C-alpha atoms as a PDB file:
ATOM      1  CA  MET A   1      22.653-213.264 -77.234  1.00  0.00           C
ATOM      2  CA  PHE A   2      19.076-212.918 -78.405  1.00  0.00           C
ATOM      3  CA  GLY A   3      18.290-216.418 -77.226  1.00  0.00           C
ATOM      4  CA  LEU A   4      18.490-215.230 -73.616  1.00  0.00           C
ATOM      5  CA  PHE A   5      15.011-213.766 -73.736  1.00  0.00           C
ATOM      6  CA  LYS A   6      13.244-216.693 -75.389  1.00  0.00           C
ATOM      7  CA  LYS A   7      10.743-218.462 -73.188  1.00  0.00           C
ATOM      8  CA  ASN A   8      10.884-222.163 -72.735  1.00  0.00           C
ATOM      9  CA  PRO A   9       7.770-223.596 -74.470  1.00  0.00           C
ATOM     10  CA  VAL A  10       7.270-226.059 -71.610  1.00  0.00           C
ATOM     11  CA  GLU A  11       7.143-223.229 -69.058  1.00  0.00           C
ATOM     12  CA  LYS A  12       4.602-221.366 -71.183  1.00  0.00           C
ATOM     13  CA  LEU A  13       2.419-224.472 -71.438  1.00  0.00           C
ATOM     14  CA  GLN A  14       2.724-225.123 -67.701  1.00  0.00           C
ATOM     15  CA  LYS A  15       1.496-221.599 -66.966  1.00  0.00           C
ATOM     16  CA  GLU A  16      -1.420-222.034 -69.362  1.00  0.00           C
ATOM     17  CA  HIS A  17      -2.210-225.423 -67.771  1.00  0.00           C
ATOM     18  CA  ALA A  18      -2.269-223.919 -64.275  1.00  0.00           C
ATOM     19  CA  ASP A  19      -4.463-221.051 -65.472  1.00  0.00           C
ATOM     20  CA  LEU A  20      -6.971-223.440 -67.048  1.00  0.00           C
ATOM     21  CA  LEU A  21      -7.172-225.534 -63.892  1.00  0.00           C
ATOM     22  CA  ALA A  22      -7.731-222.424 -61.767  1.00  0.00           C
ATOM     23  CA  ARG A  23     -10.506-221.246 -64.089  1.00  0.00           C
ATOM     24  CA  ALA A  24     -12.055-224.725 -64.035  1.00  0.00           C
ATOM     25  CA  HIS A  25     -12.045-224.729 -60.246  1.00  0.00           C
ATOM     26  CA  LYS A  26     -13.828-221.362 -60.114  1.00  0.00           C
ATOM     27  CA  MET A  27     -16.298-222.469 -62.770  1.00  0.00           C
ATOM     28  CA  SER A  28     -17.104-225.754 -61.021  1.00  0.00           C
ATOM     29  CA  SER A  29     -19.565-224.084 -58.677  1.00  0.00           C
ATOM     30  CA  VAL A  30     -21.258-222.131 -61.481  1.00  0.00           C
ATOM     31  CA  ASP A  31     -21.353-224.311 -64.592  1.00  0.00           C
ATOM     32  CA  ARG A  32     -20.117-227.873 -64.387  1.00  0.00           C
ATOM     33  CA  THR A  33     -20.158-228.403 -68.171  1.00  0.00           C
ATOM     34  CA  LYS A  34     -17.807-225.473 -68.800  1.00  0.00           C
ATOM     35  CA  SER A  35     -15.634-226.626 -65.922  1.00  0.00           C
ATOM     36  CA  ASP A  36     -15.320-230.071 -67.482  1.00  0.00           C
ATOM     37  CA  ALA A  37     -14.423-228.502 -70.844  1.00  0.00           C
ATOM     38  CA  LEU A  38     -11.653-226.464 -69.198  1.00  0.00           C
ATOM     39  CA  VAL A  39     -10.303-229.566 -67.469  1.00  0.00           C
ATOM     40  CA  ALA A  40     -10.270-231.365 -70.827  1.00  0.00           C
ATOM     41  CA  GLN A  41      -8.285-228.502 -72.371  1.00  0.00           C
ATOM     42  CA  ALA A  42      -5.851-228.666 -69.453  1.00  0.00           C
ATOM     43  CA  ALA A  43      -5.431-232.411 -70.031  1.00  0.00           C
ATOM     44  CA  ASP A  44      -4.584-231.773 -73.702  1.00  0.00           C
ATOM     45  CA  ILE A  45      -1.970-229.223 -72.696  1.00  0.00           C
ATOM     46  CA  GLU A  46      -0.560-231.634 -70.117  1.00  0.00           C
ATOM     47  CA  ALA A  47      -0.165-234.242 -72.865  1.00  0.00           C
ATOM     48  CA  ARG A  48       1.754-231.718 -74.977  1.00  0.00           C
ATOM     49  CA  ILE A  49       3.991-230.881 -72.001  1.00  0.00           C
ATOM     50  CA  VAL A  50       4.819-234.550 -71.507  1.00  0.00           C
ATOM     51  CA  GLU A  51       5.505-234.952 -75.220  1.00  0.00           C
ATOM     52  CA  LEU A  52       7.892-231.974 -75.242  1.00  0.00           C
ATOM     53  CA  GLN A  53       9.669-233.204 -72.131  1.00  0.00           C
ATOM     54  CA  ASP A  54      10.114-236.667 -73.680  1.00  0.00           C
ATOM     55  CA  GLN A  55      11.597-235.114 -76.817  1.00  0.00           C
ATOM     56  CA  GLY A  56      14.038-233.090 -74.732  1.00  0.00           C
ATOM     57  CA  SER A  57      15.315-236.113 -72.812  1.00  0.00           C
END
């Protein structure tokens, strides 16, 4: 019953990934170095998403 309200970790990571990419896009016109760092963080999260999805299959 209490498991109904637990978030799927993949969904949480996907939201964080999308947020990082949006921030990187906004930052790209201001500071390219910070934008690249945000894209790198998003790539790390994407790798974790793929790893979790492979484990679930």
